[in-house]
PDB file of N, CA and C in Angstrom:
ATOM      1  N   MET A   1       9.373 -31.208  -1.211  1.00  0.00           N
ATOM      2  CA  MET A   1       8.777 -30.066  -2.033  1.00  0.00           C
ATOM      3  C   MET A   1       9.714 -29.751  -3.179  1.00  0.00           C
ATOM      4  N   ASP A   2       9.142 -29.414  -4.290  1.00  0.00           N
ATOM      5  CA  ASP A   2       9.898 -29.079  -5.507  1.00  0.00           C
ATOM      6  C   ASP A   2      10.690 -27.804  -5.220  1.00  0.00           C
ATOM      7  N   PRO A   3      11.974 -27.804  -5.563  1.00  0.00           N
ATOM      8  CA  PRO A   3      12.798 -26.639  -5.312  1.00  0.00           C
ATOM      9  C   PRO A   3      12.357 -25.373  -6.095  1.00  0.00           C
ATOM     10  N   ILE A   4      11.824 -25.635  -7.302  1.00  0.00           N
ATOM     11  CA  ILE A   4      11.380 -24.474  -8.113  1.00  0.00           C
ATOM     12  C   ILE A   4      10.179 -23.833  -7.505  1.00  0.00           C
ATOM     13  N   LEU A   5       9.267 -24.730  -7.044  1.00  0.00           N
ATOM     14  CA  LEU A   5       7.988 -24.268  -6.351  1.00  0.00           C
ATOM     15  C   LEU A   5       8.371 -23.509  -5.107  1.00  0.00           C
ATOM     16  N   LEU A   6       9.359 -24.029  -4.283  1.00  0.00           N
ATOM     17  CA  LEU A   6       9.741 -23.289  -3.078  1.00  0.00           C
ATOM     18  C   LEU A   6      10.457 -21.966  -3.412  1.00  0.00           C
ATOM     19  N   LYS A   7      11.265 -21.942  -4.430  1.00  0.00           N
ATOM     20  CA  LYS A   7      11.784 -20.696  -4.866  1.00  0.00           C
ATOM     21  C   LYS A   7      10.791 -19.645  -5.303  1.00  0.00           C
ATOM     22  N   ASN A   8       9.797 -20.046  -6.077  1.00  0.00           N
ATOM     23  CA  ASN A   8       8.772 -19.100  -6.474  1.00  0.00           C
ATOM     24  C   ASN A   8       7.889 -18.644  -5.270  1.00  0.00           C
ATOM     25  N   LEU A   9       7.647 -19.553  -4.316  1.00  0.00           N
ATOM     26  CA  LEU A   9       6.870 -19.203  -3.083  1.00  0.00           C
ATOM     27  C   LEU A   9       7.629 -18.160  -2.262  1.00  0.00           C
ATOM     28  N   ILE A  10       8.961 -18.408  -2.186  1.00  0.00           N
ATOM     29  CA  ILE A  10       9.731 -17.373  -1.334  1.00  0.00           C
ATOM     30  C   ILE A  10       9.774 -16.043  -2.095  1.00  0.00           C
ATOM     31  N   ALA A  11       9.924 -16.066  -3.398  1.00  0.00           N
ATOM     32  CA  ALA A  11      10.027 -14.843  -4.232  1.00  0.00           C
ATOM     33  C   ALA A  11       8.634 -14.078  -4.106  1.00  0.00           C
ATOM     34  N   SER A  12       7.567 -14.740  -4.248  1.00  0.00           N
ATOM     35  CA  SER A  12       6.231 -14.188  -4.088  1.00  0.00           C
ATOM     36  C   SER A  12       5.999 -13.609  -2.709  1.00  0.00           C
ATOM     37  N   SER A  13       6.444 -14.235  -1.735  1.00  0.00           N
ATOM     38  CA  SER A  13       6.305 -13.730  -0.326  1.00  0.00           C
ATOM     39  C   SER A  13       7.223 -12.514  -0.125  1.00  0.00           C
ATOM     40  N   ALA A  14       8.352 -12.471  -0.701  1.00  0.00           N
ATOM     41  CA  ALA A  14       9.282 -11.350  -0.491  1.00  0.00           C
ATOM     42  C   ALA A  14       8.677 -10.194  -1.215  1.00  0.00           C
ATOM     43  N   TYR A  15       8.260 -10.372  -2.462  1.00  0.00           N
ATOM     44  CA  TYR A  15       7.658  -9.242  -3.203  1.00  0.00           C
ATOM     45  C   TYR A  15       6.418  -8.707  -2.612  1.00  0.00           C
ATOM     46  N   SER A  16       5.590  -9.621  -2.033  1.00  0.00           N
ATOM     47  CA  SER A  16       4.383  -9.161  -1.329  1.00  0.00           C
ATOM     48  C   SER A  16       4.723  -8.297  -0.126  1.00  0.00           C
ATOM     49  N   LEU A  17       5.724  -8.768   0.690  1.00  0.00           N
ATOM     50  CA  LEU A  17       6.015  -7.998   1.868  1.00  0.00           C
ATOM     51  C   LEU A  17       6.703  -6.613   1.396  1.00  0.00           C
ATOM     52  N   LEU A  18       7.491  -6.639   0.354  1.00  0.00           N
ATOM     53  CA  LEU A  18       8.050  -5.361  -0.146  1.00  0.00           C
ATOM     54  C   LEU A  18       6.971  -4.463  -0.626  1.00  0.00           C
ATOM     55  N   GLY A  19       5.952  -4.947  -1.269  1.00  0.00           N
ATOM     56  CA  GLY A  19       4.897  -4.129  -1.767  1.00  0.00           C
ATOM     57  C   GLY A  19       4.059  -3.532  -0.599  1.00  0.00           C
ATOM     58  N   ILE A  20       3.860  -4.286   0.371  1.00  0.00           N
ATOM     59  CA  ILE A  20       3.040  -3.793   1.623  1.00  0.00           C
ATOM     60  C   ILE A  20       3.843  -2.744   2.297  1.00  0.00           C
ATOM     61  N   VAL A  21       5.181  -2.920   2.406  1.00  0.00           N
ATOM     62  CA  VAL A  21       6.090  -1.896   3.033  1.00  0.00           C
ATOM     63  C   VAL A  21       6.037  -0.642   2.283  1.00  0.00           C
ATOM     64  N   ILE A  22       6.115  -0.718   0.960  1.00  0.00           N
ATOM     65  CA  ILE A  22       6.130   0.505   0.103  1.00  0.00           C
ATOM     66  C   ILE A  22       4.794   1.212   0.175  1.00  0.00           C
ATOM     67  N   LEU A  23       3.718   0.454   0.176  1.00  0.00           N
ATOM     68  CA  LEU A  23       2.364   1.072   0.283  1.00  0.00           C
ATOM     69  C   LEU A  23       2.164   1.785   1.596  1.00  0.00           C
ATOM     70  N   VAL A  24       2.537   1.180   2.695  1.00  0.00           N
ATOM     71  CA  VAL A  24       2.374   1.774   4.005  1.00  0.00           C
ATOM     72  C   VAL A  24       3.315   2.993   4.086  1.00  0.00           C
ATOM     73  N   THR A  25       4.475   2.903   3.650  1.00  0.00           N
ATOM     74  CA  THR A  25       5.512   4.025   3.578  1.00  0.00           C
ATOM     75  C   THR A  25       4.947   5.236   2.861  1.00  0.00           C
ATOM     76  N   SER A  26       4.401   4.887   1.652  1.00  0.00           N
ATOM     77  CA  SER A  26       3.845   5.963   0.850  1.00  0.00           C
ATOM     78  C   SER A  26       2.693   6.630   1.526  1.00  0.00           C
ATOM     79  N   PHE A  27       1.832   5.854   2.241  1.00  0.00           N
ATOM     80  CA  PHE A  27       0.651   6.488   2.922  1.00  0.00           C
ATOM     81  C   PHE A  27       1.174   7.349   4.099  1.00  0.00           C
ATOM     82  N   VAL A  28       2.171   6.864   4.768  1.00  0.00           N
ATOM     83  CA  VAL A  28       2.778   7.730   5.862  1.00  0.00           C
ATOM     84  C   VAL A  28       3.392   8.981   5.340  1.00  0.00           C
ATOM     85  N   ILE A  29       4.006   8.936   4.217  1.00  0.00           N
ATOM     86  CA  ILE A  29       4.594  10.147   3.608  1.00  0.00           C
ATOM     87  C   ILE A  29       3.532  11.134   3.204  1.00  0.00           C
ATOM     88  N   ILE A  30       2.466  10.630   2.637  1.00  0.00           N
ATOM     89  CA  ILE A  30       1.368  11.487   2.245  1.00  0.00           C
ATOM     90  C   ILE A  30       0.654  12.103   3.450  1.00  0.00           C
ATOM     91  N   GLU A  31       0.620  11.319   4.479  1.00  0.00           N
ATOM     92  CA  GLU A  31      -0.030  11.750   5.796  1.00  0.00           C
ATOM     93  C   GLU A  31       0.862  12.876   6.359  1.00  0.00           C
ATOM     94  N   LYS A  32       2.122  12.807   6.281  1.00  0.00           N
ATOM     95  CA  LYS A  32       3.085  13.869   6.801  1.00  0.00           C
ATOM     96  C   LYS A  32       2.984  15.100   5.959  1.00  0.00           C
ATOM     97  N   ILE A  33       2.776  14.943   4.706  1.00  0.00           N
ATOM     98  CA  ILE A  33       2.697  16.089   3.825  1.00  0.00           C
ATOM     99  C   ILE A  33       1.410  16.844   3.904  1.00  0.00           C
ATOM    100  N   ALA A  34       0.347  16.145   4.214  1.00  0.00           N
ATOM    101  CA  ALA A  34      -1.018  16.739   4.358  1.00  0.00           C
ATOM    102  C   ALA A  34      -1.056  17.735   5.536  1.00  0.00           C
ATOM    103  N   PRO A  35      -1.841  18.826   5.358  1.00  0.00           N
ATOM    104  CA  PRO A  35      -1.964  19.769   6.429  1.00  0.00           C
ATOM    105  C   PRO A  35      -2.678  19.246   7.681  1.00  0.00           C
ATOM    106  N   GLU A  36      -3.627  18.310   7.530  1.00  0.00           N
ATOM    107  CA  GLU A  36      -4.343  17.768   8.651  1.00  0.00           C
ATOM    108  C   GLU A  36      -3.821  16.283   8.833  1.00  0.00           C
ATOM    109  N   ASN A  37      -4.081  15.746   9.988  1.00  0.00           N
ATOM    110  CA  ASN A  37      -3.890  14.338  10.285  1.00  0.00           C
ATOM    111  C   ASN A  37      -4.944  13.520   9.580  1.00  0.00           C
ATOM    112  N   LEU A  38      -4.591  12.819   8.469  1.00  0.00           N
ATOM    113  CA  LEU A  38      -5.588  12.079   7.639  1.00  0.00           C
ATOM    114  C   LEU A  38      -6.334  11.004   8.473  1.00  0.00           C
ATOM    115  N   TRP A  39      -5.533  10.212   9.263  1.00  0.00           N
ATOM    116  CA  TRP A  39      -6.166   9.113   9.999  1.00  0.00           C
ATOM    117  C   TRP A  39      -7.108   9.672  11.049  1.00  0.00           C
ATOM    118  N   LYS A  40      -6.775  10.740  11.749  1.00  0.00           N
ATOM    119  CA  LYS A  40      -7.692  11.333  12.737  1.00  0.00           C
ATOM    120  C   LYS A  40      -8.921  11.876  12.062  1.00  0.00           C
ATOM    121  N   GLU A  41      -8.730  12.491  10.851  1.00  0.00           N
ATOM    122  CA  GLU A  41      -9.894  13.082  10.175  1.00  0.00           C
ATOM    123  C   GLU A  41     -10.891  11.965   9.647  1.00  0.00           C
ATOM    124  N   ILE A  42     -10.276  10.871   9.255  1.00  0.00           N
ATOM    125  CA  ILE A  42     -11.038   9.746   8.759  1.00  0.00           C
ATOM    126  C   ILE A  42     -11.833   9.047   9.874  1.00  0.00           C
ATOM    127  N   VAL A  43     -11.089   8.725  10.970  1.00  0.00           N
ATOM    128  CA  VAL A  43     -11.647   7.926  12.071  1.00  0.00           C
ATOM    129  C   VAL A  43     -12.542   8.770  12.946  1.00  0.00           C
ATOM    130  N   GLU A  44     -12.067   9.877  13.427  1.00  0.00           N
ATOM    131  CA  GLU A  44     -12.814  10.616  14.470  1.00  0.00           C
ATOM    132  C   GLU A  44     -13.904  11.477  13.867  1.00  0.00           C
ATOM    133  N   ARG A  45     -13.627  12.101  12.816  1.00  0.00           N
ATOM    134  CA  ARG A  45     -14.593  12.995  12.172  1.00  0.00           C
ATOM    135  C   ARG A  45     -15.412  12.356  11.067  1.00  0.00           C
ATOM    136  N   GLN A  46     -15.052  11.144  10.778  1.00  0.00           N
ATOM    137  CA  GLN A  46     -15.788  10.258   9.804  1.00  0.00           C
ATOM    138  C   GLN A  46     -15.921  11.034   8.437  1.00  0.00           C
ATOM    139  N   ASN A  47     -14.860  11.625   7.933  1.00  0.00           N
ATOM    140  CA  ASN A  47     -14.852  12.320   6.642  1.00  0.00           C
ATOM    141  C   ASN A  47     -14.919  11.315   5.538  1.00  0.00           C
ATOM    142  N   VAL A  48     -16.062  11.169   4.943  1.00  0.00           N
ATOM    143  CA  VAL A  48     -16.219  10.140   3.851  1.00  0.00           C
ATOM    144  C   VAL A  48     -15.414  10.534   2.626  1.00  0.00           C
ATOM    145  N   ALA A  49     -15.415  11.772   2.207  1.00  0.00           N
ATOM    146  CA  ALA A  49     -14.677  12.147   1.051  1.00  0.00           C
ATOM    147  C   ALA A  49     -13.213  11.878   1.140  1.00  0.00           C
ATOM    148  N   LEU A  50     -12.704  12.182   2.330  1.00  0.00           N
ATOM    149  CA  LEU A  50     -11.291  11.914   2.497  1.00  0.00           C
ATOM    150  C   LEU A  50     -10.973  10.425   2.520  1.00  0.00           C
ATOM    151  N   SER A  51     -11.866   9.645   3.133  1.00  0.00           N
ATOM    152  CA  SER A  51     -11.679   8.164   3.084  1.00  0.00           C
ATOM    153  C   SER A  51     -11.692   7.608   1.686  1.00  0.00           C
ATOM    154  N   ILE A  52     -12.534   8.127   0.805  1.00  0.00           N
ATOM    155  CA  ILE A  52     -12.624   7.757  -0.540  1.00  0.00           C
ATOM    156  C   ILE A  52     -11.275   8.207  -1.273  1.00  0.00           C
ATOM    157  N   LEU A  53     -10.812   9.347  -0.979  1.00  0.00           N
ATOM    158  CA  LEU A  53      -9.616   9.794  -1.580  1.00  0.00           C
ATOM    159  C   LEU A  53      -8.426   8.913  -1.161  1.00  0.00           C
ATOM    160  N   ALA A  54      -8.339   8.564   0.099  1.00  0.00           N
ATOM    161  CA  ALA A  54      -7.269   7.707   0.684  1.00  0.00           C
ATOM    162  C   ALA A  54      -7.402   6.286   0.040  1.00  0.00           C
ATOM    163  N   ALA A  55      -8.564   5.769  -0.113  1.00  0.00           N
ATOM    164  CA  ALA A  55      -8.753   4.446  -0.698  1.00  0.00           C
ATOM    165  C   ALA A  55      -8.295   4.491  -2.231  1.00  0.00           C
ATOM    166  N   GLY A  56      -8.684   5.580  -2.901  1.00  0.00           N
ATOM    167  CA  GLY A  56      -8.187   5.689  -4.304  1.00  0.00           C
ATOM    168  C   GLY A  56      -6.751   5.783  -4.440  1.00  0.00           C
ATOM    169  N   PHE A  57      -6.062   6.500  -3.529  1.00  0.00           N
ATOM    170  CA  PHE A  57      -4.619   6.621  -3.454  1.00  0.00           C
ATOM    171  C   PHE A  57      -3.989   5.270  -3.183  1.00  0.00           C
ATOM    172  N   MET A  58      -4.517   4.563  -2.261  1.00  0.00           N
ATOM    173  CA  MET A  58      -3.991   3.189  -1.941  1.00  0.00           C
ATOM    174  C   MET A  58      -4.146   2.168  -3.152  1.00  0.00           C
ATOM    175  N   ILE A  59      -5.220   2.325  -3.834  1.00  0.00           N
ATOM    176  CA  ILE A  59      -5.482   1.389  -4.985  1.00  0.00           C
ATOM    177  C   ILE A  59      -4.457   1.769  -6.068  1.00  0.00           C
ATOM    178  N   ALA A  60      -4.366   3.074  -6.229  1.00  0.00           N
ATOM    179  CA  ALA A  60      -3.400   3.545  -7.389  1.00  0.00           C
ATOM    180  C   ALA A  60      -1.931   3.158  -7.023  1.00  0.00           C
ATOM    181  N   ILE A  61      -1.495   3.310  -5.806  1.00  0.00           N
ATOM    182  CA  ILE A  61      -0.157   2.936  -5.449  1.00  0.00           C
ATOM    183  C   ILE A  61      -0.029   1.366  -5.555  1.00  0.00           C
ATOM    184  N   ALA A  62      -1.022   0.599  -5.172  1.00  0.00           N
ATOM    185  CA  ALA A  62      -1.044  -0.807  -5.252  1.00  0.00           C
ATOM    186  C   ALA A  62      -0.881  -1.312  -6.703  1.00  0.00           C
ATOM    187  N   MET A  63      -1.581  -0.592  -7.545  1.00  0.00           N
ATOM    188  CA  MET A  63      -1.497  -0.980  -8.982  1.00  0.00           C
ATOM    189  C   MET A  63      -0.093  -0.652  -9.513  1.00  0.00           C
ATOM    190  N   ILE A  64       0.480   0.463  -9.125  1.00  0.00           N
ATOM    191  CA  ILE A  64       1.862   0.814  -9.613  1.00  0.00           C
ATOM    192  C   ILE A  64       2.920  -0.203  -9.030  1.00  0.00           C
ATOM    193  N   ILE A  65       2.680  -0.612  -7.792  1.00  0.00           N
ATOM    194  CA  ILE A  65       3.646  -1.613  -7.190  1.00  0.00           C
ATOM    195  C   ILE A  65       3.472  -2.915  -7.876  1.00  0.00           C
ATOM    196  N   SER A  66       2.275  -3.313  -8.116  1.00  0.00           N
ATOM    197  CA  SER A  66       2.032  -4.704  -8.722  1.00  0.00           C
ATOM    198  C   SER A  66       2.568  -4.674 -10.143  1.00  0.00           C
ATOM    199  N   ALA A  67       2.449  -3.526 -10.926  1.00  0.00           N
ATOM    200  CA  ALA A  67       3.004  -3.490 -12.252  1.00  0.00           C
ATOM    201  C   ALA A  67       4.561  -3.511 -12.233  1.00  0.00           C
ATOM    202  N   ALA A  68       5.159  -2.863 -11.189  1.00  0.00           N
ATOM    203  CA  ALA A  68       6.586  -2.822 -11.125  1.00  0.00           C
ATOM    204  C   ALA A  68       7.082  -4.237 -10.764  1.00  0.00           C
ATOM    205  N   VAL A  69       6.338  -4.929  -9.775  1.00  0.00           N
ATOM    206  CA  VAL A  69       6.802  -6.223  -9.448  1.00  0.00           C
ATOM    207  C   VAL A  69       6.678  -7.295 -10.512  1.00  0.00           C
ATOM    208  N   HIS A  70       5.520  -7.184 -11.242  1.00  0.00           N
ATOM    209  CA  HIS A  70       5.266  -8.164 -12.306  1.00  0.00           C
ATOM    210  C   HIS A  70       6.184  -7.939 -13.456  1.00  0.00           C
ATOM    211  N   GLY A  71       6.563  -6.746 -13.738  1.00  0.00           N
ATOM    212  CA  GLY A  71       7.506  -6.545 -14.796  1.00  0.00           C
ATOM    213  C   GLY A  71       6.885  -6.032 -15.998  1.00  0.00           C
TER     214      GLY A  71
END
């Protein structure tokens, strides 16, 4: 395998894992700050508005992470 291709593959994998960790960490922090348990509210009570808000938050954080990784 080409060493440059292998280096790029490893770098992409590392940045992907780092992005996922940051995304999950930021969601956990937001869940701790919120007055209610977001996951419980979304899953058990099926709060559609809150799930749309959480999805928007995750998309926004993912865009920020991808912009930071891309440079």
